[in-house]
Amino acid sequence: MKNVLLVFLLLIPTLVFAEKAKPNPADYTVAVHVQSSRLVLFCGDVTGGSSVCTWEQHLNVIIDGKKLEIQPAMAKNLLRVGDYKAKIVKDDTPNAYEYQRVYELLFPDGQTRQYSVVGEEE
């Protein structure tokens, strides 16, 4: 029993620091053109009368000919305008007049980040 526990404890650092598998670029077939990128200061009230402010990234993009606004769950840096590849990781359409969609963008260095659609225009 002690040997099993010892082996498990020795494997924990290996599992924690294991490198995430690199994404396959062939899976990213959606063309995303970032037209504008901006950081917006968002302040929300918390209990006790104080507020907490964070920077949010907003991107105006064109995907499949549609003008969309997307944003990540969290980002501190401004994304450069230009062309990226993406894939859809969530597409929930409960009815014909509304939807939720999340894209995962692939960056030149192999990193990825998920962006939710938060706006649409004609």
C-alpha atoms as a PDB file:
ATOM      1  CA  MET A   1       0.000   0.000   0.000  1.00  0.00           C
ATOM      2  CA  LYS A   2       2.846   2.370   0.861  1.00  0.00           C
ATOM      3  CA  ASN A   3       4.521   1.605  -2.492  1.00  0.00           C
ATOM      4  CA  VAL A   4       1.362   2.493  -4.419  1.00  0.00           C
ATOM      5  CA  LEU A   5       1.029   5.732  -2.478  1.00  0.00           C
ATOM      6  CA  LEU A   6       4.692   6.568  -3.081  1.00  0.00           C
ATOM      7  CA  VAL A   7       4.384   5.928  -6.831  1.00  0.00           C
ATOM      8  CA  PHE A   8       1.250   8.072  -6.952  1.00  0.00           C
ATOM      9  CA  LEU A   9       2.951  10.931  -5.091  1.00  0.00           C
ATOM     10  CA  LEU A  10       5.950  10.751  -7.435  1.00  0.00           C
ATOM     11  CA  LEU A  11       3.674  10.899 -10.499  1.00  0.00           C
ATOM     12  CA  ILE A  12       1.751  13.985  -9.384  1.00  0.00           C
ATOM     13  CA  PRO A  13       4.405  16.520 -10.541  1.00  0.00           C
ATOM     14  CA  THR A  14       4.652  14.731 -13.885  1.00  0.00           C
ATOM     15  CA  LEU A  15       0.896  14.912 -14.382  1.00  0.00           C
ATOM     16  CA  VAL A  16       0.652  18.525 -13.240  1.00  0.00           C
ATOM     17  CA  PHE A  17       3.434  19.750 -15.509  1.00  0.00           C
ATOM     18  CA  ALA A  18       2.617  17.484 -18.442  1.00  0.00           C
ATOM     19  CA  GLU A  19       2.613  19.434 -21.654  1.00  0.00           C
ATOM     20  CA  LYS A  20      -0.770  19.951 -23.233  1.00  0.00           C
ATOM     21  CA  ALA A  21      -1.055  18.323 -26.640  1.00  0.00           C
ATOM     22  CA  LYS A  22      -0.502  20.803 -29.452  1.00  0.00           C
ATOM     23  CA  PRO A  23      -3.625  21.616 -31.445  1.00  0.00           C
ATOM     24  CA  ASN A  24      -3.897  20.238 -34.968  1.00  0.00           C
ATOM     25  CA  PRO A  25      -4.033  23.228 -37.382  1.00  0.00           C
ATOM     26  CA  ALA A  26      -6.160  21.154 -39.782  1.00  0.00           C
ATOM     27  CA  ASP A  27      -8.992  21.281 -37.205  1.00  0.00           C
ATOM     28  CA  TYR A  28      -9.121  25.086 -37.421  1.00  0.00           C
ATOM     29  CA  THR A  29     -11.046  25.637 -40.655  1.00  0.00           C
ATOM     30  CA  VAL A  30     -12.981  28.806 -39.834  1.00  0.00           C
ATOM     31  CA  ALA A  31     -11.406  32.011 -41.193  1.00  0.00           C
ATOM     32  CA  VAL A  32     -11.525  34.912 -38.709  1.00  0.00           C
ATOM     33  CA  HIS A  33     -10.552  38.438 -39.744  1.00  0.00           C
ATOM     34  CA  VAL A  34     -10.006  40.711 -36.730  1.00  0.00           C
ATOM     35  CA  GLN A  35     -10.976  44.246 -37.824  1.00  0.00           C
ATOM     36  CA  SER A  36     -10.541  45.971 -34.496  1.00  0.00           C
ATOM     37  CA  SER A  37      -9.261  45.062 -31.069  1.00  0.00           C
ATOM     38  CA  ARG A  38      -9.765  47.073 -27.902  1.00  0.00           C
ATOM     39  CA  LEU A  39      -9.520  46.785 -24.149  1.00  0.00           C
ATOM     40  CA  VAL A  40     -12.506  48.097 -22.208  1.00  0.00           C
ATOM     41  CA  LEU A  41     -12.449  48.878 -18.498  1.00  0.00           C
ATOM     42  CA  PHE A  42     -15.400  47.142 -16.853  1.00  0.00           C
ATOM     43  CA  CYS A  43     -16.313  48.034 -13.278  1.00  0.00           C
ATOM     44  CA  GLY A  44     -18.831  46.063 -11.283  1.00  0.00           C
ATOM     45  CA  ASP A  45     -20.219  46.689  -7.824  1.00  0.00           C
ATOM     46  CA  VAL A  46     -19.449  44.268  -5.047  1.00  0.00           C
ATOM     47  CA  THR A  47     -20.930  44.098  -1.592  1.00  0.00           C
ATOM     48  CA  GLY A  48     -19.850  46.788   0.807  1.00  0.00           C
ATOM     49  CA  GLY A  49     -20.246  49.674  -1.646  1.00  0.00           C
ATOM     50  CA  SER A  50     -16.916  49.203  -3.403  1.00  0.00           C
ATOM     51  CA  SER A  51     -16.362  48.250  -7.015  1.00  0.00           C
ATOM     52  CA  VAL A  52     -13.934  45.970  -8.790  1.00  0.00           C
ATOM     53  CA  CYS A  53     -12.596  46.958 -12.207  1.00  0.00           C
ATOM     54  CA  THR A  54     -11.069  44.671 -14.818  1.00  0.00           C
ATOM     55  CA  TRP A  55      -9.975  45.079 -18.412  1.00  0.00           C
ATOM     56  CA  GLU A  56     -11.981  43.157 -21.004  1.00  0.00           C
ATOM     57  CA  GLN A  57     -10.877  42.508 -24.562  1.00  0.00           C
ATOM     58  CA  HIS A  58     -13.425  43.160 -27.321  1.00  0.00           C
ATOM     59  CA  LEU A  59     -12.772  42.139 -30.929  1.00  0.00           C
ATOM     60  CA  ASN A  60     -14.786  43.152 -33.980  1.00  0.00           C
ATOM     61  CA  VAL A  61     -14.375  40.331 -36.481  1.00  0.00           C
ATOM     62  CA  ILE A  62     -15.721  39.009 -39.739  1.00  0.00           C
ATOM     63  CA  ILE A  63     -16.546  35.282 -39.781  1.00  0.00           C
ATOM     64  CA  ASP A  64     -18.300  33.735 -42.765  1.00  0.00           C
ATOM     65  CA  GLY A  65     -19.238  37.222 -43.991  1.00  0.00           C
ATOM     66  CA  LYS A  66     -20.905  38.180 -40.685  1.00  0.00           C
ATOM     67  CA  LYS A  67     -19.770  41.082 -38.529  1.00  0.00           C
ATOM     68  CA  LEU A  68     -19.488  39.843 -34.956  1.00  0.00           C
ATOM     69  CA  GLU A  69     -18.110  41.056 -31.653  1.00  0.00           C
ATOM     70  CA  ILE A  70     -16.306  38.381 -29.653  1.00  0.00           C
ATOM     71  CA  GLN A  71     -14.543  38.383 -26.322  1.00  0.00           C
ATOM     72  CA  PRO A  72     -12.571  35.888 -24.258  1.00  0.00           C
ATOM     73  CA  ALA A  73     -13.379  34.895 -20.709  1.00  0.00           C
ATOM     74  CA  MET A  74     -10.157  36.594 -19.661  1.00  0.00           C
ATOM     75  CA  ALA A  75      -7.372  38.420 -21.481  1.00  0.00           C
ATOM     76  CA  LYS A  76      -4.918  41.107 -20.427  1.00  0.00           C
ATOM     77  CA  ASN A  77      -3.280  41.896 -23.747  1.00  0.00           C
ATOM     78  CA  LEU A  78      -4.508  43.496 -26.935  1.00  0.00           C
ATOM     79  CA  LEU A  79      -4.791  41.092 -29.865  1.00  0.00           C
ATOM     80  CA  ARG A  80      -3.333  42.373 -33.118  1.00  0.00           C
ATOM     81  CA  VAL A  81      -5.698  42.878 -36.051  1.00  0.00           C
ATOM     82  CA  GLY A  82      -5.306  40.397 -38.874  1.00  0.00           C
ATOM     83  CA  ASP A  83      -6.292  36.931 -39.971  1.00  0.00           C
ATOM     84  CA  TYR A  84      -6.538  33.887 -37.718  1.00  0.00           C
ATOM     85  CA  LYS A  85      -7.894  30.355 -37.968  1.00  0.00           C
ATOM     86  CA  ALA A  86     -10.546  29.063 -35.579  1.00  0.00           C
ATOM     87  CA  LYS A  87     -12.921  26.245 -34.864  1.00  0.00           C
ATOM     88  CA  ILE A  88     -16.356  26.221 -33.274  1.00  0.00           C
ATOM     89  CA  VAL A  89     -16.270  24.623 -29.820  1.00  0.00           C
ATOM     90  CA  LYS A  90     -19.851  25.426 -28.793  1.00  0.00           C
ATOM     91  CA  ASP A  91     -22.865  26.071 -30.979  1.00  0.00           C
ATOM     92  CA  ASP A  92     -26.140  26.144 -29.089  1.00  0.00           C
ATOM     93  CA  THR A  93     -29.220  27.237 -31.042  1.00  0.00           C
ATOM     94  CA  PRO A  94     -32.288  26.749 -28.835  1.00  0.00           C
ATOM     95  CA  ASN A  95     -34.539  28.410 -31.449  1.00  0.00           C
ATOM     96  CA  ALA A  96     -34.316  30.222 -34.795  1.00  0.00           C
ATOM     97  CA  TYR A  97     -33.888  33.731 -33.384  1.00  0.00           C
ATOM     98  CA  GLU A  98     -31.057  33.316 -30.844  1.00  0.00           C
ATOM     99  CA  TYR A  99     -27.862  31.369 -30.316  1.00  0.00           C
ATOM    100  CA  GLN A 100     -24.695  30.928 -28.257  1.00  0.00           C
ATOM    101  CA  ARG A 101     -21.440  30.282 -30.054  1.00  0.00           C
ATOM    102  CA  VAL A 102     -17.848  29.930 -28.861  1.00  0.00           C
ATOM    103  CA  TYR A 103     -14.863  29.933 -31.200  1.00  0.00           C
ATOM    104  CA  GLU A 104     -11.369  28.750 -30.343  1.00  0.00           C
ATOM    105  CA  LEU A 105      -8.739  30.822 -32.149  1.00  0.00           C
ATOM    106  CA  LEU A 106      -5.390  29.305 -33.068  1.00  0.00           C
ATOM    107  CA  PHE A 107      -2.408  31.648 -32.819  1.00  0.00           C
ATOM    108  CA  PRO A 108       0.839  31.385 -34.820  1.00  0.00           C
ATOM    109  CA  ASP A 109       2.754  30.032 -31.800  1.00  0.00           C
ATOM    110  CA  GLY A 110       0.290  27.143 -31.379  1.00  0.00           C
ATOM    111  CA  GLN A 111      -1.516  28.663 -28.394  1.00  0.00           C
ATOM    112  CA  THR A 112      -5.318  28.820 -28.408  1.00  0.00           C
ATOM    113  CA  ARG A 113      -7.938  30.949 -26.682  1.00  0.00           C
ATOM    114  CA  GLN A 114     -11.713  30.686 -26.606  1.00  0.00           C
ATOM    115  CA  TYR A 115     -13.907  33.652 -27.565  1.00  0.00           C
ATOM    116  CA  SER A 116     -17.667  33.948 -27.075  1.00  0.00           C
ATOM    117  CA  VAL A 117     -19.855  35.801 -29.538  1.00  0.00           C
ATOM    118  CA  VAL A 118     -21.270  38.807 -27.644  1.00  0.00           C
ATOM    119  CA  GLY A 119     -22.554  40.898 -30.556  1.00  0.00           C
ATOM    120  CA  GLU A 120     -23.763  40.689 -34.123  1.00  0.00           C
ATOM    121  CA  GLU A 121     -24.555  43.329 -36.746  1.00  0.00           C
ATOM    122  CA  GLU A 122     -25.627  43.509 -40.358  1.00  0.00           C
END
